[in-house]
Amino acid sequence: MFDIGWSEMLVLAVVTILVVGPRDLPRMLRTVGQVVGKARRLAGDFQKQFNDALKEADLDDVKKSIDSARSAIPKNPIKESLESMTKAGSDVKTAVEKPVKPASADPASSEAQPAEPIKSAGTSNTGDSSGKPKPDPEPQPAAPGDKT
């Protein structure tokens, strides 16, 4: 309860002997013991009266009726609805994570065509994946006041 070590207790004993004196020390310790005993009895009586008041108020019966009501609540329909919601959530998650294959122009062809890698604009002169050369950009007109 109190975080007092042996060294602190020794200091308290020396101070008590010096303040109270060795002649009055036994009488003081007896008085302190009686006060502590009365405080403990008071606390015990209060706790007992409090517990008796709770029993008189029939709170034990109320608690039992609440517990029986909790056990009577059907849990299976709730679990079933949660399971269906969990399944729907996992279906949505897999649909989002797994890309959908694009529909091909030829419905007879069921094979998916591999996509061409993207080429950066600075390394190739081709404008798209068809292999056609990219037209040169048109020169911009000079701004007024530019002397180049």
Protein backbone atom coordinates (compact mmCIF):
# COMPACT_ATOMS: atom_id res chain seq x y z
CA MET A 1 0.00 0.00 0.00
CA PHE A 2 2.62 2.53 1.07
CA ASP A 3 5.90 2.30 -0.73
CA ILE A 4 8.10 2.49 2.37
CA GLY A 5 11.35 0.56 2.53
CA TRP A 6 13.32 -0.54 5.59
CA SER A 7 15.57 2.51 5.50
CA GLU A 8 12.58 4.89 5.52
CA MET A 9 11.01 2.99 8.40
CA LEU A 10 14.25 3.25 10.36
CA VAL A 11 14.35 7.02 9.79
CA LEU A 12 10.71 7.33 10.88
CA ALA A 13 11.41 5.30 14.05
CA VAL A 14 14.40 7.49 14.97
CA VAL A 15 12.43 10.70 14.36
CA THR A 16 9.47 9.37 16.36
CA ILE A 17 11.71 8.44 19.29
CA LEU A 18 13.31 11.89 19.21
CA VAL A 19 9.98 13.78 18.95
CA VAL A 20 7.79 11.68 21.28
CA GLY A 21 10.48 10.39 23.57
CA PRO A 22 11.19 6.82 24.64
CA ARG A 23 8.98 7.10 27.72
CA ASP A 24 5.74 8.02 25.83
CA LEU A 25 6.43 5.91 22.73
CA PRO A 26 4.56 2.72 23.85
CA ARG A 27 1.45 4.71 24.79
CA MET A 28 1.50 6.53 21.40
CA LEU A 29 1.92 3.26 19.44
CA ARG A 30 -0.97 1.71 21.36
CA THR A 31 -3.18 4.72 20.53
CA VAL A 32 -2.21 4.56 16.83
CA GLY A 33 -3.04 0.82 16.77
CA GLN A 34 -6.46 1.46 18.33
CA VAL A 35 -7.25 4.21 15.79
CA VAL A 36 -6.23 1.97 12.88
CA GLY A 37 -8.38 -0.88 14.29
CA LYS A 38 -11.42 1.40 14.61
CA ALA A 39 -10.94 2.64 11.03
CA ARG A 40 -10.82 -0.95 9.74
CA ARG A 41 -13.96 -1.92 11.66
CA LEU A 42 -15.75 1.17 10.33
CA ALA A 43 -14.78 0.28 6.76
CA GLY A 44 -15.95 -3.32 7.26
CA ASP A 45 -19.29 -2.19 8.69
CA PHE A 46 -19.83 0.21 5.80
CA GLN A 47 -19.08 -2.49 3.25
CA LYS A 48 -21.44 -4.93 4.98
CA GLN A 49 -24.28 -2.37 5.09
CA PHE A 50 -23.72 -1.55 1.43
CA ASN A 51 -23.90 -5.25 0.45
CA ASP A 52 -27.07 -5.69 2.54
CA ALA A 53 -28.68 -2.70 0.80
CA LEU A 54 -27.86 -4.22 -2.60
CA LYS A 55 -29.46 -7.51 -1.61
CA GLU A 56 -32.55 -5.72 -0.32
CA ALA A 57 -32.91 -3.90 -3.60
CA ASP A 58 -33.06 -7.28 -5.34
CA LEU A 59 -30.25 -6.36 -7.66
CA ASP A 60 -29.12 -9.97 -7.60
CA ASP A 61 -32.48 -11.00 -9.08
CA VAL A 62 -32.26 -8.27 -11.71
CA LYS A 63 -28.79 -9.42 -12.66
CA LYS A 64 -30.01 -13.01 -12.99
CA SER A 65 -32.94 -11.93 -15.19
CA ILE A 66 -30.60 -9.92 -17.43
CA ASP A 67 -28.27 -12.89 -17.76
CA SER A 68 -31.18 -15.17 -18.68
CA ALA A 69 -32.38 -12.62 -21.26
CA ARG A 70 -28.91 -12.48 -22.77
CA SER A 71 -28.82 -16.24 -23.12
CA ALA A 72 -32.28 -16.25 -24.76
CA ILE A 73 -31.24 -13.87 -27.57
CA PRO A 74 -30.82 -15.88 -30.78
CA LYS A 75 -27.27 -15.53 -32.02
CA ASN A 76 -27.49 -17.73 -35.12
CA PRO A 77 -29.42 -15.28 -37.37
CA ILE A 78 -26.98 -12.55 -36.46
CA LYS A 79 -24.02 -14.78 -37.23
CA GLU A 80 -25.57 -15.81 -40.55
CA SER A 81 -26.11 -12.20 -41.61
CA LEU A 82 -22.55 -11.33 -40.59
CA GLU A 83 -21.21 -14.28 -42.57
CA SER A 84 -23.12 -13.23 -45.68
CA MET A 85 -21.84 -9.67 -45.27
CA THR A 86 -18.30 -10.95 -44.82
CA LYS A 87 -18.62 -13.07 -47.97
CA ALA A 88 -19.94 -10.10 -49.94
CA GLY A 89 -17.09 -7.96 -48.68
CA SER A 90 -14.50 -10.54 -49.68
CA ASP A 91 -16.12 -10.82 -53.14
CA VAL A 92 -15.88 -7.06 -53.58
CA LYS A 93 -12.27 -7.08 -52.38
CA THR A 94 -11.26 -9.79 -54.85
CA ALA A 95 -13.09 -8.00 -57.65
CA VAL A 96 -11.21 -4.78 -56.91
CA GLU A 97 -7.83 -6.47 -56.55
CA LYS A 98 -8.17 -8.71 -59.64
CA PRO A 99 -8.31 -6.69 -62.89
CA VAL A 100 -11.06 -7.54 -65.34
CA LYS A 101 -9.91 -8.70 -68.78
CA PRO A 102 -11.01 -6.24 -71.50
CA ALA A 103 -13.48 -7.54 -74.06
CA SER A 104 -11.80 -8.17 -77.42
CA ALA A 105 -13.18 -6.75 -80.68
CA ASP A 106 -13.53 -10.22 -82.17
CA PRO A 107 -16.00 -12.24 -80.08
CA ALA A 108 -14.87 -15.48 -81.77
CA SER A 109 -11.36 -15.05 -80.42
CA SER A 110 -11.34 -16.16 -76.80
CA GLU A 111 -7.60 -15.72 -76.31
CA ALA A 112 -6.40 -12.58 -74.59
CA GLN A 113 -3.78 -10.63 -76.50
CA PRO A 114 -0.70 -9.54 -74.54
CA ALA A 115 -0.30 -5.79 -74.18
CA GLU A 116 2.67 -4.02 -75.77
CA PRO A 117 5.13 -2.40 -73.40
CA ILE A 118 4.92 1.38 -73.09
CA LYS A 119 7.82 3.15 -74.73
CA SER A 120 9.04 6.46 -73.40
CA ALA A 121 8.64 9.50 -75.68
CA GLY A 122 12.33 10.48 -75.62
CA THR A 123 13.78 7.14 -76.80
CA SER A 124 11.64 6.40 -79.84
CA ASN A 125 10.28 8.30 -82.79
CA THR A 126 7.13 6.24 -82.95
CA GLY A 127 3.93 7.85 -81.74
CA ASP A 128 1.97 4.74 -80.83
CA SER A 129 2.28 0.96 -80.82
CA SER A 130 1.35 0.69 -84.50
CA GLY A 131 4.90 1.62 -85.59
CA LYS A 132 3.99 4.77 -87.50
CA PRO A 133 6.51 7.61 -87.12
CA LYS A 134 5.47 10.48 -84.93
CA PRO A 135 5.13 13.79 -86.82
CA ASP A 136 7.61 16.54 -85.97
CA PRO A 137 6.15 19.31 -83.85
CA GLU A 138 5.41 22.53 -85.71
CA PRO A 139 7.69 25.47 -84.87
CA GLN A 140 6.16 28.05 -82.58
CA PRO A 141 6.03 31.68 -83.77
CA ALA A 142 8.53 33.93 -82.06
CA ALA A 143 7.21 36.20 -79.36
CA PRO A 144 7.41 39.96 -80.11
CA GLY A 145 10.64 41.39 -78.83
CA ASP A 146 12.51 38.08 -79.19
CA LYS A 147 15.72 38.43 -81.18
CA THR A 148 16.95 34.97 -82.12
